[in-house]
Amino acid sequence: PPLVLIHGMTVSSTMWFANAPEWSQHFRVFAIDII
């Protein structure tokens, strides 16, 4: 199942470094860099 991640302001998708390894075991993860 698709899981879309939207990071906090003044960072980027790499803020999910502590979470994506776990969540991607169950989901197709799409971490989007806010334009």
Full PDB file with SEQRES, HELIX, SHEET, SSBOND, CRYST1, ORIGX, SCALE, CONECT and MASTER records, all heavy atoms in Angstrom:
SEQRES   1 A   35  PRO PRO LEU VAL LEU ILE HIS GLY MET THR VAL SER SER          
SEQRES   2 A   35  THR MET TRP PHE ALA ASN ALA PRO GLU TRP SER GLN HIS          
SEQRES   3 A   35  PHE ARG VAL PHE ALA ILE ASP ILE ILE                          
HELIX    1 AA1 SER A   13  ALA A   18  5                                   6    
HELIX    2 AA2 ALA A   20  TRP A   23  1                                   4    
SHEET    1 AA1 2 PRO A   2  ILE A   6  0                                        
SHEET    2 AA1 2 ARG A  28  ILE A  32  1                                        
CRYST1    1.000    1.000    1.000  90.00  90.00  90.00 P 1           1          
ORIGX1      1.000000  0.000000  0.000000        0.00000                         
ORIGX2      0.000000  1.000000  0.000000        0.00000                         
ORIGX3      0.000000  0.000000  1.000000        0.00000                         
SCALE1      1.000000  0.000000  0.000000        0.00000                         
SCALE2      0.000000  1.000000  0.000000        0.00000                         
SCALE3      0.000000  0.000000  1.000000        0.00000                         
ATOM      1  N   PRO A   1       0.833  -1.213   0.000  1.00  0.00           N  
ATOM      2  CA  PRO A   1       0.000   0.000   0.000  1.00  0.00           C  
ATOM      3  C   PRO A   1       0.863   1.257   0.000  1.00  0.00           C  
ATOM      4  O   PRO A   1       1.918   1.295   0.650  1.00  0.00           O  
ATOM      5  CB  PRO A   1      -0.802  -0.121   1.305  1.00  0.00           C  
ATOM      6  CG  PRO A   1      -0.745  -1.557   1.678  1.00  0.00           C  
ATOM      7  CD  PRO A   1       0.554  -2.077   1.163  1.00  0.00           C  
ATOM      8  N   PRO A   2       0.443   2.312  -0.717  1.00  0.00           N  
ATOM      9  CA  PRO A   2       1.258   3.531  -0.809  1.00  0.00           C  
ATOM     10  C   PRO A   2       1.187   4.391   0.446  1.00  0.00           C  
ATOM     11  O   PRO A   2       0.108   4.708   0.943  1.00  0.00           O  
ATOM     12  CB  PRO A   2       0.662   4.264  -2.009  1.00  0.00           C  
ATOM     13  CG  PRO A   2      -0.756   3.788  -2.091  1.00  0.00           C  
ATOM     14  CD  PRO A   2      -0.750   2.376  -1.595  1.00  0.00           C  
ATOM     15  N   LEU A   3       2.351   4.770   0.940  1.00  0.00           N  
ATOM     16  CA  LEU A   3       2.479   5.657   2.090  1.00  0.00           C  
ATOM     17  C   LEU A   3       3.261   6.887   1.651  1.00  0.00           C  
ATOM     18  O   LEU A   3       4.431   6.788   1.267  1.00  0.00           O  
ATOM     19  CB  LEU A   3       3.211   4.953   3.238  1.00  0.00           C  
ATOM     20  CG  LEU A   3       3.592   5.804   4.457  1.00  0.00           C  
ATOM     21  CD1 LEU A   3       2.373   6.441   5.092  1.00  0.00           C  
ATOM     22  CD2 LEU A   3       4.348   4.956   5.487  1.00  0.00           C  
ATOM     23  N   VAL A   4       2.620   8.051   1.677  1.00  0.00           N  
ATOM     24  CA  VAL A   4       3.232   9.302   1.235  1.00  0.00           C  
ATOM     25  C   VAL A   4       3.661  10.100   2.462  1.00  0.00           C  
ATOM     26  O   VAL A   4       2.872  10.289   3.397  1.00  0.00           O  
ATOM     27  CB  VAL A   4       2.250  10.114   0.369  1.00  0.00           C  
ATOM     28  CG1 VAL A   4       2.847  11.471   0.008  1.00  0.00           C  
ATOM     29  CG2 VAL A   4       1.882   9.332  -0.886  1.00  0.00           C  
ATOM     30  N   LEU A   5       4.911  10.565   2.458  1.00  0.00           N  
ATOM     31  CA  LEU A   5       5.472  11.306   3.585  1.00  0.00           C  
ATOM     32  C   LEU A   5       5.744  12.750   3.173  1.00  0.00           C  
ATOM     33  O   LEU A   5       6.372  13.005   2.143  1.00  0.00           O  
ATOM     34  CB  LEU A   5       6.784  10.659   4.049  1.00  0.00           C  
ATOM     35  CG  LEU A   5       6.749   9.165   4.376  1.00  0.00           C  
ATOM     36  CD1 LEU A   5       8.139   8.692   4.817  1.00  0.00           C  
ATOM     37  CD2 LEU A   5       5.713   8.867   5.455  1.00  0.00           C  
ATOM     38  N   ILE A   6       5.285  13.704   4.003  1.00  0.00           N  
ATOM     39  CA  ILE A   6       5.503  15.125   3.770  1.00  0.00           C  
ATOM     40  C   ILE A   6       6.293  15.689   4.955  1.00  0.00           C  
ATOM     41  O   ILE A   6       5.792  15.714   6.084  1.00  0.00           O  
ATOM     42  CB  ILE A   6       4.168  15.895   3.614  1.00  0.00           C  
ATOM     43  CG1 ILE A   6       3.253  15.217   2.588  1.00  0.00           C  
ATOM     44  CG2 ILE A   6       4.445  17.347   3.240  1.00  0.00           C  
ATOM     45  CD1 ILE A   6       3.737  15.278   1.170  1.00  0.00           C  
ATOM     46  N   HIS A   7       7.506  16.116   4.694  1.00  0.00           N  
ATOM     47  CA  HIS A   7       8.424  16.526   5.763  1.00  0.00           C  
ATOM     48  C   HIS A   7       8.067  17.894   6.351  1.00  0.00           C  
ATOM     49  O   HIS A   7       7.248  18.643   5.811  1.00  0.00           O  
ATOM     50  CB  HIS A   7       9.860  16.552   5.237  1.00  0.00           C  
ATOM     51  CG  HIS A   7      10.079  17.540   4.126  1.00  0.00           C  
ATOM     52  ND1 HIS A   7      10.262  18.887   4.345  1.00  0.00           N  
ATOM     53  CD2 HIS A   7      10.153  17.372   2.775  1.00  0.00           C  
ATOM     54  CE1 HIS A   7      10.437  19.515   3.204  1.00  0.00           C  
ATOM     55  NE2 HIS A   7      10.366  18.621   2.224  1.00  0.00           N  
ATOM     56  N   GLY A   8       8.723  18.231   7.450  1.00  0.00           N  
ATOM     57  CA  GLY A   8       8.556  19.537   8.076  1.00  0.00           C  
ATOM     58  C   GLY A   8       9.302  20.614   7.313  1.00  0.00           C  
ATOM     59  O   GLY A   8      10.216  20.340   6.526  1.00  0.00           O  
ATOM     60  N   MET A   9       8.936  21.849   7.566  1.00  0.00           N  
ATOM     61  CA  MET A   9       9.540  22.974   6.850  1.00  0.00           C  
ATOM     62  C   MET A   9      10.992  23.170   7.273  1.00  0.00           C  
ATOM     63  O   MET A   9      11.360  22.935   8.424  1.00  0.00           O  
ATOM     64  CB  MET A   9       8.741  24.250   7.123  1.00  0.00           C  
ATOM     65  CG  MET A   9       9.045  25.383   6.175  1.00  0.00           C  
ATOM     66  SD  MET A   9       7.827  26.723   6.358  1.00  0.00           S  
ATOM     67  CE  MET A   9       8.443  27.883   5.140  1.00  0.00           C  
ATOM     68  N   THR A  10      11.816  23.606   6.343  1.00  0.00           N  
ATOM     69  CA  THR A  10      13.250  23.881   6.485  1.00  0.00           C  
ATOM     70  C   THR A  10      14.070  22.619   6.757  1.00  0.00           C  
ATOM     71  O   THR A  10      15.181  22.695   7.256  1.00  0.00           O  
ATOM     72  CB  THR A  10      13.572  24.954   7.560  1.00  0.00           C  
ATOM     73  OG1 THR A  10      13.305  24.443   8.864  1.00  0.00           O  
ATOM     74  CG2 THR A  10      12.789  26.232   7.309  1.00  0.00           C  
ATOM     75  N   VAL A  11      13.528  21.474   6.381  1.00  0.00           N  
ATOM     76  CA  VAL A  11      14.330  20.248   6.299  1.00  0.00           C  
ATOM     77  C   VAL A  11      14.049  19.639   4.922  1.00  0.00           C  
ATOM     78  O   VAL A  11      13.788  20.340   3.972  1.00  0.00           O  
ATOM     79  CB  VAL A  11      14.053  19.267   7.461  1.00  0.00           C  
ATOM     80  CG1 VAL A  11      14.647  19.788   8.741  1.00  0.00           C  
ATOM     81  CG2 VAL A  11      12.571  19.004   7.650  1.00  0.00           C  
ATOM     82  N   SER A  12      14.116  18.330   4.825  1.00  0.00           N  
ATOM     83  CA  SER A  12      13.802  17.652   3.570  1.00  0.00           C  
ATOM     84  C   SER A  12      13.355  16.240   3.910  1.00  0.00           C  
ATOM     85  O   SER A  12      13.230  15.876   5.083  1.00  0.00           O  
ATOM     86  CB  SER A  12      15.025  17.610   2.639  1.00  0.00           C  
ATOM     87  OG  SER A  12      15.948  16.640   3.108  1.00  0.00           O  
ATOM     88  N   SER A  13      13.164  15.416   2.886  1.00  0.00           N  
ATOM     89  CA  SER A  13      12.693  14.055   3.112  1.00  0.00           C  
ATOM     90  C   SER A  13      13.672  13.200   3.912  1.00  0.00           C  
ATOM     91  O   SER A  13      13.277  12.163   4.449  1.00  0.00           O  
ATOM     92  CB  SER A  13      12.402  13.373   1.775  1.00  0.00           C  
ATOM     93  OG  SER A  13      11.253  13.937   1.177  1.00  0.00           O  
ATOM     94  N   THR A  14      14.923  13.622   4.000  1.00  0.00           N  
ATOM     95  CA  THR A  14      15.858  12.833   4.802  1.00  0.00           C  
ATOM     96  C   THR A  14      15.546  12.897   6.293  1.00  0.00           C  
ATOM     97  O   THR A  14      16.138  12.152   7.076  1.00  0.00           O  
ATOM     98  CB  THR A  14      17.315  13.272   4.554  1.00  0.00           C  
ATOM     99  OG1 THR A  14      17.415  14.671   4.748  1.00  0.00           O  
ATOM    100  CG2 THR A  14      17.746  12.919   3.147  1.00  0.00           C  
ATOM    101  N   MET A  15      14.608  13.754   6.710  1.00  0.00           N  
ATOM    102  CA  MET A  15      14.197  13.747   8.119  1.00  0.00           C  
ATOM    103  C   MET A  15      13.552  12.421   8.507  1.00  0.00           C  
ATOM    104  O   MET A  15      13.459  12.088   9.688  1.00  0.00           O  
ATOM    105  CB  MET A  15      13.220  14.883   8.410  1.00  0.00           C  
ATOM    106  CG  MET A  15      11.855  14.749   7.772  1.00  0.00           C  
ATOM    107  SD  MET A  15      10.516  15.593   8.695  1.00  0.00           S  
ATOM    108  CE  MET A  15      10.189  14.407  10.006  1.00  0.00           C  
ATOM    109  N   TRP A  16      13.132  11.625   7.507  1.00  0.00           N  
ATOM    110  CA  TRP A  16      12.481  10.343   7.767  1.00  0.00           C  
ATOM    111  C   TRP A  16      13.484   9.201   7.920  1.00  0.00           C  
ATOM    112  O   TRP A  16      13.093   8.029   7.889  1.00  0.00           O  
ATOM    113  CB  TRP A  16      11.497  10.021   6.645  1.00  0.00           C  
ATOM    114  CG  TRP A  16      10.454  11.073   6.415  1.00  0.00           C  
ATOM    115  CD1 TRP A  16      10.335  11.907   5.336  1.00  0.00           C  
ATOM    116  CD2 TRP A  16       9.348  11.403   7.271  1.00  0.00           C  
ATOM    117  NE1 TRP A  16       9.249  12.734   5.467  1.00  0.00           N  
ATOM    118  CE2 TRP A  16       8.612  12.450   6.651  1.00  0.00           C  
ATOM    119  CE3 TRP A  16       8.896  10.914   8.508  1.00  0.00           C  
ATOM    120  CZ2 TRP A  16       7.478  13.021   7.221  1.00  0.00           C  
ATOM    121  CZ3 TRP A  16       7.778  11.488   9.076  1.00  0.00           C  
ATOM    122  CH2 TRP A  16       7.076  12.517   8.434  1.00  0.00           C  
ATOM    123  N   PHE A  17      14.762   9.519   8.098  1.00  0.00           N  
ATOM    124  CA  PHE A  17      15.791   8.479   8.185  1.00  0.00           C  
ATOM    125  C   PHE A  17      15.519   7.486   9.318  1.00  0.00           C  
ATOM    126  O   PHE A  17      15.920   6.326   9.241  1.00  0.00           O  
ATOM    127  CB  PHE A  17      17.176   9.127   8.395  1.00  0.00           C  
ATOM    128  CG  PHE A  17      17.418   9.622   9.801  1.00  0.00           C  
ATOM    129  CD1 PHE A  17      18.116   8.861  10.720  1.00  0.00           C  
ATOM    130  CD2 PHE A  17      16.929  10.848  10.207  1.00  0.00           C  
ATOM    131  CE1 PHE A  17      18.326   9.312  12.017  1.00  0.00           C  
ATOM    132  CE2 PHE A  17      17.135  11.316  11.493  1.00  0.00           C  
ATOM    133  CZ  PHE A  17      17.834  10.540  12.412  1.00  0.00           C  
ATOM    134  N   ALA A  18      14.858   7.941  10.365  1.00  0.00           N  
ATOM    135  CA  ALA A  18      14.593   7.075  11.514  1.00  0.00           C  
ATOM    136  C   ALA A  18      13.296   6.281  11.362  1.00  0.00           C  
ATOM    137  O   ALA A  18      13.014   5.402  12.182  1.00  0.00           O  
ATOM    138  CB  ALA A  18      14.533   7.914  12.793  1.00  0.00           C  
ATOM    139  N   ASN A  19      12.519   6.572  10.339  1.00  0.00           N  
ATOM    140  CA  ASN A  19      11.177   5.985  10.200  1.00  0.00           C  
ATOM    141  C   ASN A  19      11.001   5.152   8.940  1.00  0.00           C  
ATOM    142  O   ASN A  19      10.381   4.086   8.983  1.00  0.00           O  
ATOM    143  CB  ASN A  19      10.136   7.106  10.206  1.00  0.00           C  
ATOM    144  CG  ASN A  19      10.435   8.180  11.235  1.00  0.00           C  
ATOM    145  OD1 ASN A  19      10.795   9.295  10.882  1.00  0.00           O  
ATOM    146  ND2 ASN A  19      10.332   7.857  12.508  1.00  0.00           N  
ATOM    147  N   ALA A  20      11.529   5.623   7.818  1.00  0.00           N  
ATOM    148  CA  ALA A  20      11.320   4.937   6.542  1.00  0.00           C  
ATOM    149  C   ALA A  20      11.817   3.496   6.532  1.00  0.00           C  
ATOM    150  O   ALA A  20      11.170   2.623   5.939  1.00  0.00           O  
ATOM    151  CB  ALA A  20      11.966   5.733   5.403  1.00  0.00           C  
ATOM    152  N   PRO A  21      12.953   3.164   7.174  1.00  0.00           N  
ATOM    153  CA  PRO A  21      13.377   1.764   7.175  1.00  0.00           C  
ATOM    154  C   PRO A  21      12.342   0.816   7.791  1.00  0.00           C  
ATOM    155  O   PRO A  21      12.181  -0.318   7.328  1.00  0.00           O  
ATOM    156  CB  PRO A  21      14.665   1.786   8.003  1.00  0.00           C  
ATOM    157  CG  PRO A  21      15.203   3.163   7.810  1.00  0.00           C  
ATOM    158  CD  PRO A  21      13.982   4.042   7.773  1.00  0.00           C  
ATOM    159  N   GLU A  22      11.629   1.301   8.799  1.00  0.00           N  
ATOM    160  CA  GLU A  22      10.587   0.475   9.431  1.00  0.00           C  
ATOM    161  C   GLU A  22       9.312   0.474   8.604  1.00  0.00           C  
ATOM    162  O   GLU A  22       8.735  -0.580   8.313  1.00  0.00           O  
ATOM    163  CB  GLU A  22      10.307   1.008  10.839  1.00  0.00           C  
ATOM    164  CG  GLU A  22       9.101   0.394  11.526  1.00  0.00           C  
ATOM    165  CD  GLU A  22       9.221  -1.106  11.762  1.00  0.00           C  
ATOM    166  OE1 GLU A  22      10.358  -1.591  11.913  1.00  0.00           O  
ATOM    167  OE2 GLU A  22       8.167  -1.787  11.784  1.00  0.00           O  
ATOM    168  N   TRP A  23       8.840   1.650   8.205  1.00  0.00           N  
ATOM    169  CA  TRP A  23       7.566   1.733   7.478  1.00  0.00           C  
ATOM    170  C   TRP A  23       7.640   1.066   6.116  1.00  0.00           C  
ATOM    171  O   TRP A  23       6.646   0.517   5.638  1.00  0.00           O  
ATOM    172  CB  TRP A  23       7.144   3.192   7.338  1.00  0.00           C  
ATOM    173  CG  TRP A  23       6.815   3.850   8.651  1.00  0.00           C  
ATOM    174  CD1 TRP A  23       6.476   3.216   9.815  1.00  0.00           C  
ATOM    175  CD2 TRP A  23       6.806   5.241   8.945  1.00  0.00           C  
ATOM    176  NE1 TRP A  23       6.255   4.133  10.820  1.00  0.00           N  
ATOM    177  CE2 TRP A  23       6.449   5.387  10.315  1.00  0.00           C  
ATOM    178  CE3 TRP A  23       7.066   6.387   8.197  1.00  0.00           C  
ATOM    179  CZ2 TRP A  23       6.337   6.618  10.934  1.00  0.00           C  
ATOM    180  CZ3 TRP A  23       6.964   7.629   8.815  1.00  0.00           C  
ATOM    181  CH2 TRP A  23       6.601   7.747  10.168  1.00  0.00           C  
ATOM    182  N   SER A  24       8.818   1.077   5.491  1.00  0.00           N  
ATOM    183  CA  SER A  24       8.941   0.490   4.154  1.00  0.00           C  
ATOM    184  C   SER A  24       8.923  -1.037   4.180  1.00  0.00           C  
ATOM    185  O   SER A  24       8.922  -1.674   3.129  1.00  0.00           O  
ATOM    186  CB  SER A  24      10.217   0.985   3.471  1.00  0.00           C  
ATOM    187  OG  SER A  24      11.370   0.597   4.194  1.00  0.00           O  
ATOM    188  N   GLN A  25       8.891  -1.630   5.345  1.00  0.00           N  
ATOM    189  CA  GLN A  25       8.687  -3.085   5.428  1.00  0.00           C  
ATOM    190  C   GLN A  25       7.229  -3.448   5.154  1.00  0.00           C  
ATOM    191  O   GLN A  25       6.929  -4.586   4.784  1.00  0.00           O  
ATOM    192  CB  GLN A  25       9.097  -3.606   6.812  1.00  0.00           C  
ATOM    193  CG  GLN A  25      10.588  -3.472   7.099  1.00  0.00           C  
ATOM    194  CD  GLN A  25      10.961  -4.028   8.458  1.00  0.00           C  
ATOM    195  OE1 GLN A  25      10.428  -5.054   8.892  1.00  0.00           O  
ATOM    196  NE2 GLN A  25      11.862  -3.357   9.151  1.00  0.00           N  
ATOM    197  N   HIS A  26       6.338  -2.493   5.337  1.00  0.00           N  
ATOM    198  CA  HIS A  26       4.898  -2.743   5.202  1.00  0.00           C  
ATOM    199  C   HIS A  26       4.254  -1.942   4.066  1.00  0.00           C  
ATOM    200  O   HIS A  26       3.158  -2.280   3.631  1.00  0.00           O  
ATOM    201  CB  HIS A  26       4.189  -2.396   6.511  1.00  0.00           C  
ATOM    202  CG  HIS A  26       4.792  -3.028   7.713  1.00  0.00           C  
ATOM    203  ND1 HIS A  26       4.577  -4.344   8.053  1.00  0.00           N  
ATOM    204  CD2 HIS A  26       5.631  -2.513   8.660  1.00  0.00           C  
ATOM    205  CE1 HIS A  26       5.249  -4.626   9.167  1.00  0.00           C  
ATOM    206  NE2 HIS A  26       5.882  -3.539   9.559  1.00  0.00           N  
ATOM    207  N   PHE A  27       4.934  -0.862   3.638  1.00  0.00           N  
ATOM    208  CA  PHE A  27       4.338   0.057   2.674  1.00  0.00           C  
ATOM    209  C   PHE A  27       5.323   0.385   1.555  1.00  0.00           C  
ATOM    210  O   PHE A  27       6.541   0.260   1.728  1.00  0.00           O  
ATOM    211  CB  PHE A  27       3.924   1.371   3.359  1.00  0.00           C  
ATOM    212  CG  PHE A  27       3.011   1.192   4.535  1.00  0.00           C  
ATOM    213  CD1 PHE A  27       3.514   1.193   5.829  1.00  0.00           C  
ATOM    214  CD2 PHE A  27       1.650   1.005   4.348  1.00  0.00           C  
ATOM    215  CE1 PHE A  27       2.674   1.023   6.919  1.00  0.00           C  
ATOM    216  CE2 PHE A  27       0.805   0.832   5.426  1.00  0.00           C  
ATOM    217  CZ  PHE A  27       1.306   0.837   6.719  1.00  0.00           C  
ATOM    218  N   ARG A  28       4.790   0.819   0.425  1.00  0.00           N  
ATOM    219  CA  ARG A  28       5.592   1.444  -0.611  1.00  0.00           C  
ATOM    220  C   ARG A  28       5.674   2.915  -0.244  1.00  0.00           C  
ATOM    221  O   ARG A  28       4.660   3.640  -0.286  1.00  0.00           O  
ATOM    222  CB  ARG A  28       4.921   1.257  -1.980  1.00  0.00           C  
ATOM    223  CG  ARG A  28       5.691   1.861  -3.142  1.00  0.00           C  
ATOM    224  CD  ARG A  28       6.958   1.097  -3.450  1.00  0.00           C  
ATOM    225  NE  ARG A  28       7.481   1.456  -4.781  1.00  0.00           N  
ATOM    226  CZ  ARG A  28       8.664   1.074  -5.233  1.00  0.00           C  
ATOM    227  NH1 ARG A  28       9.456   0.333  -4.456  1.00  0.00           N  
ATOM    228  NH2 ARG A  28       9.062   1.410  -6.448  1.00  0.00           N  
ATOM    229  N   VAL A  29       6.833   3.374   0.170  1.00  0.00           N  
ATOM    230  CA  VAL A  29       7.001   4.709   0.730  1.00  0.00           C  
ATOM    231  C   VAL A  29       7.410   5.702  -0.352  1.00  0.00           C  
ATOM    232  O   VAL A  29       8.330   5.443  -1.134  1.00  0.00           O  
ATOM    233  CB  VAL A  29       8.048   4.694   1.863  1.00  0.00           C  
ATOM    234  CG1 VAL A  29       8.371   6.115   2.325  1.00  0.00           C  
ATOM    235  CG2 VAL A  29       7.546   3.859   3.040  1.00  0.00           C  
ATOM    236  N   PHE A  30       6.720   6.847  -0.362  1.00  0.00           N  
ATOM    237  CA  PHE A  30       7.026   7.951  -1.276  1.00  0.00           C  
ATOM    238  C   PHE A  30       7.290   9.194  -0.424  1.00  0.00           C  
ATOM    239  O   PHE A  30       6.353   9.801   0.093  1.00  0.00           O  
ATOM    240  CB  PHE A  30       5.862   8.202  -2.235  1.00  0.00           C  
ATOM    241  CG  PHE A  30       5.512   7.024  -3.098  1.00  0.00           C  
ATOM    242  CD1 PHE A  30       4.667   6.024  -2.626  1.00  0.00           C  
ATOM    243  CD2 PHE A  30       6.020   6.915  -4.381  1.00  0.00           C  
ATOM    244  CE1 PHE A  30       4.335   4.930  -3.416  1.00  0.00           C  
ATOM    245  CE2 PHE A  30       5.699   5.816  -5.178  1.00  0.00           C  
ATOM    246  CZ  PHE A  30       4.855   4.830  -4.701  1.00  0.00           C  
ATOM    247  N   ALA A  31       8.562   9.543  -0.245  1.00  0.00           N  
ATOM    248  CA  ALA A  31       8.937  10.707   0.559  1.00  0.00           C  
ATOM    249  C   ALA A  31       9.166  11.883  -0.383  1.00  0.00           C  
ATOM    250  O   ALA A  31      10.085  11.880  -1.203  1.00  0.00           O  
ATOM    251  CB  ALA A  31      10.198  10.410   1.368  1.00  0.00           C  
ATOM    252  N   ILE A  32       8.312  12.896  -0.270  1.00  0.00           N  
ATOM    253  CA  ILE A  32       8.293  14.015  -1.216  1.00  0.00           C  
ATOM    254  C   ILE A  32       9.000  15.231  -0.619  1.00  0.00           C  
ATOM    255  O   ILE A  32       8.693  15.651   0.494  1.00  0.00           O  
ATOM    256  CB  ILE A  32       6.836  14.387  -1.566  1.00  0.00           C  
ATOM    257  CG1 ILE A  32       6.114  13.183  -2.194  1.00  0.00           C  
ATOM    258  CG2 ILE A  32       6.793  15.586  -2.498  1.00  0.00           C  
ATOM    259  CD1 ILE A  32       4.626  13.421  -2.427  1.00  0.00           C  
ATOM    260  N   ASP A  33       9.953  15.787  -1.376  1.00  0.00           N  
ATOM    261  CA  ASP A  33      10.565  17.055  -0.988  1.00  0.00           C  
ATOM    262  C   ASP A  33       9.624  18.190  -1.384  1.00  0.00           C  
ATOM    263  O   ASP A  33       9.364  18.402  -2.577  1.00  0.00           O  
ATOM    264  CB  ASP A  33      11.908  17.250  -1.696  1.00  0.00           C  
ATOM    265  CG  ASP A  33      13.056  16.526  -1.002  1.00  0.00           C  
ATOM    266  OD1 ASP A  33      12.823  15.960   0.071  1.00  0.00           O  
ATOM    267  OD2 ASP A  33      14.176  16.541  -1.544  1.00  0.00           O  
ATOM    268  N   ILE A  34       9.126  18.915  -0.397  1.00  0.00           N  
ATOM    269  CA  ILE A  34       8.193  20.012  -0.667  1.00  0.00           C  
ATOM    270  C   ILE A  34       8.867  21.038  -1.581  1.00  0.00           C  
ATOM    271  O   ILE A  34       9.983  21.494  -1.307  1.00  0.00           O  
ATOM    272  CB  ILE A  34       7.749  20.691   0.637  1.00  0.00           C  
ATOM    273  CG1 ILE A  34       7.017  19.695   1.540  1.00  0.00           C  
ATOM    274  CG2 ILE A  34       6.859  21.895   0.345  1.00  0.00           C  
ATOM    275  CD1 ILE A  34       6.752  20.230   2.937  1.00  0.00           C  
ATOM    276  N   ILE A  35       8.192  21.386  -2.643  1.00  0.00           N  
ATOM    277  CA  ILE A  35       8.766  22.349  -3.584  1.00  0.00           C  
ATOM    278  C   ILE A  35       8.799  23.734  -2.943  1.00  0.00           C  
ATOM    279  O   ILE A  35       7.861  24.142  -2.256  1.00  0.00           O  
ATOM    280  CB  ILE A  35       7.973  22.333  -4.911  1.00  0.00           C  
ATOM    281  CG1 ILE A  35       8.861  22.808  -6.060  1.00  0.00           C  
ATOM    282  CG2 ILE A  35       6.683  23.118  -4.815  1.00  0.00           C  
ATOM    283  CD1 ILE A  35       8.420  22.315  -7.418  1.00  0.00           C  
TER     284      ILE A  35                                                      
MASTER        0    0    0    2    2    0    0    6  283    1    0    3          
END                                                                             
